[in-house]
Amino acid sequence: MKLFPHAHATHPQWRMAVGLVLAQLRAQMALPGYAGAPTLALLYITDHYAGAAREILDTLSAELPEVTDWAGTVGVGVAANNVEYFDEPALAVMLCDLPADQYRVFSGVAPLGLGFEAHTALVHADAGTADVAELIAEMALRTATGYLFGGLASSRTTAVQFAAGGDGYIKGQGTAGGVFSGGLSGVAFGEGVHLVSRVTQGALPIGPVHTVTNVESHVLLKLDGEAALDVLERDLGITLDQPKGPGLQAAIDTVRATLVGLSEPGSDAVGRTGNFGSDVLVRHLIGLDPVRRGVAIAAQASEGMRLAFCQRNVQAARADLTRICAEIREELEPQEVTLEVAGALAASGAEAAPHPARRIAGAVYVSCAGRGGPHFGGPSAELQIVRRALGDVPLVGFFAGGEIARNHLYGYTGVLTVFTD
């Protein structure tokens, strides 16, 4: 499989940015190592361009007539190989060279038909859609593997999604023109499209894992048989029952910086590294109940679930991102290679283009809007970690209002997915 052409650009005028992207794509499509006739495009724009979403899609599809299918969405930031654009006008595009019978673009007005068997799917969703988490779980059931990857559109203006097929329009979508708001859209992939995907967490447990033993809707009342608020105070090393003053304010600030990691009964919430496993869903604390000594969380919990209080941690996030990249490389690199191939891999280094033994044609990275360079220590720091670990692979993505992996809606995570041969 040849490399997927990919491009990114920033400019105050969207037409100039589109022109820069088109120049990069055409230059790569002329190179022997890149796909010369891709048909599926992934398009991500920052919310600065949301008002021109229709014009951007129309212009790109007119200039790239060989590309028949488009999917994507908007984010407060977009990602590309080794760079991220936050709070500035930008777009990123990747052209995927996949067999036409191995993928289908779908949307709310053009759902997947019975004639296509989906094994996995890239999903973009609108956070304002009612019961979006349930819709994601339902979509996962419509795939053979139950695995989705993607995220919620994030925008300070209009939360748009791109979903266009065939001659630029999906049959049945009427006058939508491939640009939508609300619901779910994306690309479903058949058995012939090989993907490797991992979830990286951005929070670190600050206490032991507890079992929920009494809960009313969103309010945790008992953890391990003890009042939930008492457990919270002990895990955080604070007390909220004190006079007003600096001590109480410091305790309140600690609570405000605390999250909860939830997982199903019997799951391994904390892995060998001390970080959360991929089964853990991180959610906010939304209130305290001093009368019942309860803790309210932004999730519907049930008795028997596993829970650990946690906080966002830069070092843990960096280490976990490096870990999932290493796992992907380990899975893709052959266990046995010739001496010539081994020498080439050793000589190439992490910054060089990936050797064919790694078999990565392209990658999609969806990260939380609360992560990115500012959280990792500098501009584009998060994507630089990915490049150092994976090599110089084609990559696009966006910074989401919630991340999708398997049948779950995550928060404060990154979802890295690579296309392999």
Protein backbone atom coordinates (compact mmCIF):
# COMPACT_ATOMS: atom_id res chain seq x y z
CA MET A 1 0.00 0.00 0.00
CA LYS A 2 1.38 3.39 -0.98
CA LEU A 3 1.47 6.38 1.34
CA PHE A 4 -1.65 8.53 1.52
CA PRO A 5 -1.12 12.09 0.20
CA HIS A 6 -1.70 14.59 3.00
CA ALA A 7 -1.48 18.34 3.41
CA HIS A 8 -2.20 21.14 5.86
CA ALA A 9 -2.12 24.93 5.81
CA THR A 10 -3.11 28.02 7.72
CA HIS A 11 -4.12 31.39 6.28
CA PRO A 12 -6.61 34.13 7.22
CA GLN A 13 -8.32 33.56 3.85
CA TRP A 14 -9.64 30.04 3.34
CA ARG A 15 -9.09 30.18 -0.42
CA MET A 16 -5.37 30.72 0.09
CA ALA A 17 -5.20 27.84 2.57
CA VAL A 18 -7.05 25.57 0.13
CA GLY A 19 -4.62 26.57 -2.63
CA LEU A 20 -1.64 25.68 -0.45
CA VAL A 21 -3.17 22.32 0.44
CA LEU A 22 -3.93 21.50 -3.19
CA ALA A 23 -0.35 22.28 -4.21
CA GLN A 24 1.01 19.92 -1.55
CA LEU A 25 -1.40 17.12 -2.46
CA ARG A 26 -0.66 17.32 -6.19
CA ALA A 27 3.08 17.32 -5.56
CA GLN A 28 2.82 14.18 -3.42
CA MET A 29 0.48 12.41 -5.85
CA ALA A 30 3.19 12.75 -8.49
CA LEU A 31 5.76 10.95 -6.32
CA PRO A 32 6.23 7.19 -6.81
CA GLY A 33 5.88 6.36 -3.12
CA TYR A 34 2.45 8.01 -2.79
CA ALA A 35 -0.98 6.99 -4.04
CA GLY A 36 -1.64 8.61 -7.40
CA ALA A 37 -5.39 8.03 -7.68
CA PRO A 38 -6.99 8.07 -4.20
CA THR A 39 -10.78 8.25 -3.98
CA LEU A 40 -11.54 8.97 -0.29
CA ALA A 41 -10.60 12.24 1.43
CA LEU A 42 -10.61 13.09 5.13
CA LEU A 43 -11.06 16.83 5.69
CA TYR A 44 -10.68 18.64 9.01
CA ILE A 45 -11.04 22.40 9.48
CA THR A 46 -10.76 24.70 12.47
CA ASP A 47 -13.86 26.60 13.52
CA HIS A 48 -12.46 29.78 11.96
CA TYR A 49 -13.46 28.25 8.62
CA ALA A 50 -16.81 26.78 9.76
CA GLY A 51 -18.81 29.48 8.00
CA ALA A 52 -17.12 28.62 4.70
CA ALA A 53 -17.42 24.84 5.08
CA ARG A 54 -19.62 24.42 1.99
CA GLU A 55 -17.35 26.54 -0.19
CA ILE A 56 -14.24 24.71 1.04
CA LEU A 57 -15.71 21.30 0.21
CA ASP A 58 -17.01 22.47 -3.18
CA THR A 59 -13.63 23.94 -4.11
CA LEU A 60 -11.60 20.94 -3.04
CA SER A 61 -13.91 18.41 -4.72
CA ALA A 62 -13.91 20.43 -7.95
CA GLU A 63 -10.11 20.65 -8.00
CA LEU A 64 -9.71 16.95 -7.13
CA PRO A 65 -12.29 15.24 -9.37
CA GLU A 66 -10.66 11.83 -8.90
CA VAL A 67 -11.61 11.99 -5.21
CA THR A 68 -15.24 10.88 -5.11
CA ASP A 69 -15.88 10.60 -1.37
CA TRP A 70 -15.34 13.07 1.45
CA ALA A 71 -15.68 12.86 5.23
CA GLY A 72 -14.58 15.04 8.12
CA THR A 73 -15.60 17.64 10.65
CA VAL A 74 -14.60 20.81 12.50
CA GLY A 75 -12.47 21.24 15.63
CA VAL A 76 -11.12 24.08 17.73
CA GLY A 77 -7.83 22.71 16.47
CA VAL A 78 -6.67 20.41 13.69
CA ALA A 79 -3.73 18.02 13.67
CA ALA A 80 -1.24 16.98 11.01
CA ASN A 81 2.13 15.27 10.96
CA ASN A 82 4.29 16.98 13.61
CA VAL A 83 2.07 20.06 13.88
CA GLU A 84 -1.18 21.22 15.44
CA TYR A 85 -3.17 24.36 14.73
CA PHE A 86 -5.07 25.81 17.69
CA ASP A 87 -7.16 28.97 17.66
CA GLU A 88 -6.16 29.87 14.11
CA PRO A 89 -7.70 29.34 10.66
CA ALA A 90 -6.39 26.04 9.27
CA LEU A 91 -7.33 22.83 7.51
CA ALA A 92 -5.81 19.38 7.02
CA VAL A 93 -6.59 16.84 4.30
CA MET A 94 -5.55 13.23 3.72
CA LEU A 95 -6.38 11.29 0.54
CA CYS A 96 -6.89 7.60 1.24
CA ASP A 97 -6.23 5.02 -1.45
CA LEU A 98 -8.68 2.24 -0.54
CA PRO A 99 -10.70 -0.19 -2.68
CA ALA A 100 -14.04 1.41 -3.53
CA ASP A 101 -15.95 -1.66 -2.37
CA GLN A 102 -14.26 -1.55 1.06
CA TYR A 103 -15.70 1.69 2.43
CA ARG A 104 -18.92 3.68 2.53
CA VAL A 105 -19.50 7.29 3.55
CA PHE A 106 -22.62 7.66 5.70
CA SER A 107 -24.63 10.36 7.43
CA GLY A 108 -27.96 10.80 9.19
CA VAL A 109 -29.81 11.30 5.90
CA ALA A 110 -27.85 8.57 4.09
CA PRO A 111 -27.31 5.76 6.63
CA LEU A 112 -25.43 2.58 5.89
CA GLY A 113 -27.41 0.29 3.63
CA LEU A 114 -27.90 -3.44 4.02
CA GLY A 115 -25.60 -4.13 1.08
CA PHE A 116 -22.40 -3.17 2.94
CA GLU A 117 -20.93 -5.13 5.85
CA ALA A 118 -19.06 -2.69 8.08
CA HIS A 119 -16.21 -4.04 10.19
CA THR A 120 -15.04 -0.72 11.66
CA ALA A 121 -16.00 2.93 11.24
CA LEU A 122 -14.59 6.42 11.55
CA VAL A 123 -17.34 8.43 13.25
CA HIS A 124 -17.84 12.18 13.58
CA ALA A 125 -20.68 13.31 15.85
CA ASP A 126 -22.36 16.47 17.10
CA ALA A 127 -22.20 16.89 20.88
CA GLY A 128 -25.55 18.70 20.75
CA THR A 129 -27.33 15.61 19.47
CA ALA A 130 -29.64 14.06 22.05
CA ASP A 131 -28.38 10.74 23.49
CA VAL A 132 -25.20 10.93 21.44
CA ALA A 133 -23.44 8.33 23.63
CA GLU A 134 -26.28 5.88 23.02
CA LEU A 135 -26.16 6.55 19.26
CA ILE A 136 -22.43 5.79 19.27
CA ALA A 137 -23.02 2.51 21.09
CA GLU A 138 -25.78 1.64 18.62
CA MET A 139 -23.49 2.42 15.69
CA ALA A 140 -20.83 0.13 17.13
CA LEU A 141 -23.35 -2.72 17.16
CA ARG A 142 -23.77 -2.24 13.40
CA THR A 143 -20.13 -3.16 12.80
CA ALA A 144 -18.75 -6.69 12.83
CA THR A 145 -15.96 -5.85 15.29
CA GLY A 146 -17.84 -3.32 17.43
CA TYR A 147 -14.94 -0.91 16.98
CA LEU A 148 -15.41 2.78 16.18
CA PHE A 149 -12.87 5.59 16.24
CA GLY A 150 -13.37 9.35 15.87
CA GLY A 151 -14.74 12.17 17.97
CA LEU A 152 -17.27 14.92 18.60
CA ALA A 153 -17.06 18.09 16.55
CA SER A 154 -15.81 21.04 18.60
CA SER A 155 -16.54 24.59 17.54
CA ARG A 156 -17.18 28.02 18.97
CA THR A 157 -19.44 28.69 15.99
CA THR A 158 -21.17 26.03 13.85
CA ALA A 159 -20.41 22.35 14.46
CA VAL A 160 -20.30 21.08 10.88
CA GLN A 161 -19.59 17.64 9.46
CA PHE A 162 -18.54 16.61 5.96
CA ALA A 163 -20.09 13.55 4.30
CA ALA A 164 -20.20 13.40 0.53
CA GLY A 165 -20.06 10.42 -1.81
CA GLY A 166 -20.17 9.53 -5.48
CA ASP A 167 -20.14 12.70 -7.57
CA GLY A 168 -19.77 14.83 -4.46
CA TYR A 169 -23.20 14.13 -3.02
CA ILE A 170 -24.65 11.13 -1.20
CA LYS A 171 -27.79 9.80 -2.81
CA GLY A 172 -30.72 10.83 -0.66
CA GLN A 173 -29.13 13.78 1.10
CA GLY A 174 -31.11 16.33 -0.91
CA THR A 175 -29.66 19.83 -0.92
CA ALA A 176 -27.32 19.30 2.04
CA GLY A 177 -24.35 19.39 -0.34
CA GLY A 178 -22.18 17.18 1.84
CA VAL A 179 -22.11 19.57 4.84
CA PHE A 180 -24.23 18.71 7.87
CA SER A 181 -24.95 19.72 11.45
CA GLY A 182 -26.21 17.29 14.06
CA GLY A 183 -26.22 13.52 14.31
CA LEU A 184 -23.49 11.13 13.20
CA SER A 185 -21.55 10.80 9.98
CA GLY A 186 -18.31 9.23 8.84
CA VAL A 187 -16.84 6.33 6.92
CA ALA A 188 -17.52 2.63 7.46
CA PHE A 189 -14.74 0.26 6.44
CA GLY A 190 -14.99 -3.30 5.20
CA GLU A 191 -12.97 -6.33 6.21
CA GLY A 192 -10.32 -5.52 3.60
CA VAL A 193 -9.26 -2.27 5.28
CA HIS A 194 -6.74 -3.09 8.00
CA LEU A 195 -6.53 -0.75 10.98
CA VAL A 196 -4.61 -0.66 14.24
CA SER A 197 -6.01 1.67 16.92
CA ARG A 198 -5.14 2.59 20.49
CA VAL A 199 -6.53 4.90 23.19
CA THR A 200 -4.23 7.02 25.36
CA GLN A 201 -5.44 8.44 28.66
CA GLY A 202 -4.50 11.84 30.03
CA ALA A 203 -5.35 11.42 33.71
CA LEU A 204 -3.53 9.66 36.54
CA PRO A 205 -5.24 7.94 39.49
CA ILE A 206 -4.50 9.63 42.80
CA GLY A 207 -5.89 6.93 45.04
CA PRO A 208 -6.90 3.28 45.07
CA VAL A 209 -9.62 1.78 42.91
CA HIS A 210 -12.98 1.58 44.68
CA THR A 211 -16.20 -0.30 44.07
CA VAL A 212 -19.47 1.63 43.83
CA THR A 213 -21.75 0.07 46.47
CA ASN A 214 -24.59 2.62 46.59
CA VAL A 215 -25.59 5.15 43.94
CA GLU A 216 -28.64 7.18 43.01
CA SER A 217 -28.49 8.26 39.38
CA HIS A 218 -25.48 10.59 39.15
CA VAL A 219 -24.80 10.75 42.90
CA LEU A 220 -22.31 8.32 44.41
CA LEU A 221 -23.39 7.58 47.98
CA LYS A 222 -21.14 4.69 49.02
CA LEU A 223 -17.74 3.48 47.83
CA ASP A 224 -16.59 0.17 49.33
CA GLY A 225 -19.45 0.57 51.80
CA GLU A 226 -18.17 3.96 53.04
CA ALA A 227 -19.62 7.41 52.43
CA ALA A 228 -18.36 8.59 49.02
CA LEU A 229 -17.48 12.09 50.23
CA ASP A 230 -15.40 10.65 53.08
CA VAL A 231 -13.51 8.49 50.58
CA LEU A 232 -12.93 11.49 48.33
CA GLU A 233 -11.51 13.57 51.18
CA ARG A 234 -9.21 10.76 52.29
CA ASP A 235 -7.91 10.05 48.76
CA LEU A 236 -7.23 13.75 48.19
CA GLY A 237 -5.77 14.31 51.65
CA ILE A 238 -8.14 17.21 52.39
CA THR A 239 -11.02 18.12 54.66
CA LEU A 240 -13.95 20.29 53.64
CA ASP A 241 -15.32 20.56 57.18
CA GLN A 242 -13.31 23.57 58.28
CA PRO A 243 -13.82 27.33 58.73
CA LYS A 244 -13.65 29.63 55.74
CA GLY A 245 -10.13 30.66 54.90
CA PRO A 246 -7.09 29.74 52.78
CA GLY A 247 -7.21 26.10 53.92
CA LEU A 248 -10.82 25.61 52.83
CA GLN A 249 -10.21 27.39 49.53
CA ALA A 250 -7.20 25.16 48.82
CA ALA A 251 -9.33 22.09 49.54
CA ILE A 252 -12.07 23.35 47.21
CA ASP A 253 -9.51 24.02 44.47
CA THR A 254 -8.21 20.46 44.82
CA VAL A 255 -11.73 19.06 44.41
CA ARG A 256 -12.31 21.22 41.34
CA ALA A 257 -9.16 19.78 39.75
CA THR A 258 -10.30 16.22 40.44
CA LEU A 259 -12.01 13.86 37.99
CA VAL A 260 -13.28 10.30 38.26
CA GLY A 261 -12.28 7.30 36.20
CA LEU A 262 -15.15 4.82 35.79
CA SER A 263 -15.04 1.27 34.46
CA GLU A 264 -17.33 -1.73 34.38
CA PRO A 265 -17.35 -4.37 37.14
CA GLY A 266 -14.44 -6.77 36.93
CA SER A 267 -12.37 -4.57 34.62
CA ASP A 268 -8.69 -3.84 35.12
CA ALA A 269 -9.04 -0.11 35.74
CA VAL A 270 -5.37 0.56 36.35
CA GLY A 271 -2.76 -1.10 34.15
CA ARG A 272 0.75 -2.29 34.95
CA THR A 273 2.18 1.19 34.37
CA GLY A 274 -0.09 2.76 36.99
CA ASN A 275 -2.08 4.60 34.31
CA PHE A 276 -5.72 4.03 33.47
CA GLY A 277 -6.50 1.29 30.99
CA SER A 278 -8.55 1.84 27.84
CA ASP A 279 -11.72 0.60 29.60
CA VAL A 280 -11.76 3.65 31.88
CA LEU A 281 -14.01 6.60 31.09
CA VAL A 282 -12.91 9.88 32.72
CA ARG A 283 -15.72 12.15 33.84
CA HIS A 284 -16.11 15.40 35.82
CA LEU A 285 -17.19 15.89 39.40
CA ILE A 286 -20.26 18.11 39.20
CA GLY A 287 -21.17 18.58 42.85
CA LEU A 288 -21.06 17.43 46.47
CA ASP A 289 -23.91 16.37 48.75
CA PRO A 290 -22.78 17.18 52.32
CA VAL A 291 -26.07 15.97 53.84
CA ARG A 292 -25.84 12.44 52.42
CA ARG A 293 -22.04 12.61 52.14
CA GLY A 294 -22.34 11.95 48.43
CA VAL A 295 -20.40 12.94 45.31
CA ALA A 296 -22.17 13.84 42.06
CA ILE A 297 -20.45 12.95 38.78
CA ALA A 298 -21.15 13.66 35.11
CA ALA A 299 -22.09 10.06 34.36
CA GLN A 300 -24.76 7.51 35.12
CA ALA A 301 -23.07 5.07 37.49
CA SER A 302 -24.32 1.73 38.74
CA GLU A 303 -23.51 -0.51 41.67
CA GLY A 304 -20.50 -2.73 41.12
CA MET A 305 -18.68 -0.31 38.84
CA ARG A 306 -15.01 0.41 39.50
CA LEU A 307 -13.97 3.99 40.29
CA ALA A 308 -10.79 5.89 41.03
CA PHE A 309 -10.40 9.61 41.65
CA CYS A 310 -7.85 11.14 39.31
CA GLN A 311 -6.28 14.35 38.02
CA ARG A 312 -4.87 15.38 34.69
CA ASN A 313 -1.12 14.77 34.59
CA VAL A 314 1.29 15.95 31.90
CA GLN A 315 4.00 13.38 32.56
CA ALA A 316 1.51 10.52 32.59
CA ALA A 317 -0.09 11.78 29.37
CA ARG A 318 3.28 11.99 27.60
CA ALA A 319 4.33 8.53 28.77
CA ASP A 320 1.02 6.94 27.82
CA LEU A 321 1.03 8.52 24.35
CA THR A 322 4.54 7.19 23.78
CA ARG A 323 3.36 3.79 25.00
CA ILE A 324 0.50 3.43 22.51
CA CYS A 325 2.74 4.53 19.63
CA ALA A 326 5.26 1.89 20.66
CA GLU A 327 2.51 -0.73 20.81
CA ILE A 328 1.39 0.15 17.28
CA ARG A 329 4.95 -0.05 15.96
CA GLU A 330 5.50 -3.35 17.71
CA GLU A 331 2.34 -4.79 16.20
CA LEU A 332 3.22 -3.65 12.69
CA GLU A 333 6.91 -4.45 12.57
CA PRO A 334 7.60 -8.08 11.60
CA GLN A 335 9.05 -10.31 14.29
CA GLU A 336 11.65 -11.58 11.85
CA VAL A 337 13.31 -9.34 9.26
CA THR A 338 16.27 -9.76 6.98
CA LEU A 339 19.61 -8.31 7.95
CA GLU A 340 19.20 -5.71 5.20
CA VAL A 341 15.80 -4.58 6.51
CA ALA A 342 17.04 -4.52 10.11
CA GLY A 343 19.95 -2.31 9.06
CA ALA A 344 17.64 0.04 7.20
CA LEU A 345 15.33 0.36 10.22
CA ALA A 346 18.25 1.08 12.54
CA ALA A 347 19.74 3.63 10.16
CA SER A 348 16.47 5.45 9.48
CA GLY A 349 15.89 6.75 13.02
CA ALA A 350 12.61 7.99 14.44
CA GLU A 351 12.64 11.19 12.39
CA ALA A 352 13.02 9.46 9.01
CA ALA A 353 10.26 8.29 6.71
CA PRO A 354 8.85 4.96 7.87
CA HIS A 355 10.43 1.85 6.40
CA PRO A 356 8.00 -0.37 4.45
CA ALA A 357 8.38 -2.99 7.17
CA ARG A 358 6.23 -0.78 9.35
CA ARG A 359 3.48 -0.78 6.72
CA ILE A 360 1.72 2.46 7.75
CA ALA A 361 -0.01 4.19 4.84
CA GLY A 362 -1.65 6.91 6.92
CA ALA A 363 -2.95 7.78 10.37
CA VAL A 364 -5.85 9.61 12.03
CA TYR A 365 -5.37 11.17 15.45
CA VAL A 366 -8.30 12.54 17.45
CA SER A 367 -7.36 14.24 20.71
CA CYS A 368 -9.29 16.09 23.37
CA ALA A 369 -9.60 19.84 22.92
CA GLY A 370 -8.20 20.12 26.45
CA ARG A 371 -4.96 18.41 25.43
CA GLY A 372 -2.67 19.57 22.61
CA GLY A 373 0.60 21.42 22.86
CA PRO A 374 -0.38 23.67 25.78
CA HIS A 375 -1.06 20.61 27.93
CA PHE A 376 2.04 18.74 26.76
CA GLY A 377 4.46 21.58 27.31
CA GLY A 378 4.77 23.60 24.11
CA PRO A 379 3.37 24.33 20.64
CA SER A 380 2.63 21.11 18.72
CA ALA A 381 4.23 19.05 21.51
CA GLU A 382 1.57 16.33 21.39
CA LEU A 383 1.97 15.71 17.66
CA GLN A 384 5.74 15.86 17.95
CA ILE A 385 5.58 12.94 20.38
CA VAL A 386 3.57 10.96 17.83
CA ARG A 387 6.05 11.73 15.05
CA ARG A 388 9.07 10.77 17.14
CA ALA A 389 7.44 7.47 18.01
CA LEU A 390 5.83 6.54 14.67
CA GLY A 391 8.11 8.24 12.19
CA ASP A 392 7.20 10.62 9.39
CA VAL A 393 3.84 9.06 8.49
CA PRO A 394 0.92 10.83 6.78
CA LEU A 395 -1.41 12.00 9.54
CA VAL A 396 -4.47 14.20 9.96
CA GLY A 397 -6.93 14.70 12.78
CA PHE A 398 -8.68 17.19 15.00
CA PHE A 399 -9.15 18.25 18.60
CA ALA A 400 -12.56 17.10 19.71
CA GLY A 401 -15.22 17.76 22.30
CA GLY A 402 -15.13 14.05 23.17
CA GLU A 403 -13.25 11.12 21.70
CA ILE A 404 -14.79 7.94 20.29
CA ALA A 405 -13.16 4.52 20.54
CA ARG A 406 -14.89 1.16 20.41
CA ASN A 407 -18.44 1.84 21.64
CA HIS A 408 -17.43 4.47 24.20
CA LEU A 409 -17.36 8.25 24.35
CA TYR A 410 -14.19 9.32 26.17
CA GLY A 411 -12.85 12.57 27.58
CA TYR A 412 -9.27 13.88 27.98
CA THR A 413 -7.96 11.09 25.77
CA GLY A 414 -6.31 10.63 22.38
CA VAL A 415 -7.34 8.00 19.82
CA LEU A 416 -4.62 7.06 17.33
CA THR A 417 -5.56 4.86 14.36
CA VAL A 418 -3.27 3.80 11.51
CA PHE A 419 -4.10 2.29 8.11
CA THR A 420 -1.88 -0.65 7.22
CA ASP A 421 -1.42 -2.88 4.20
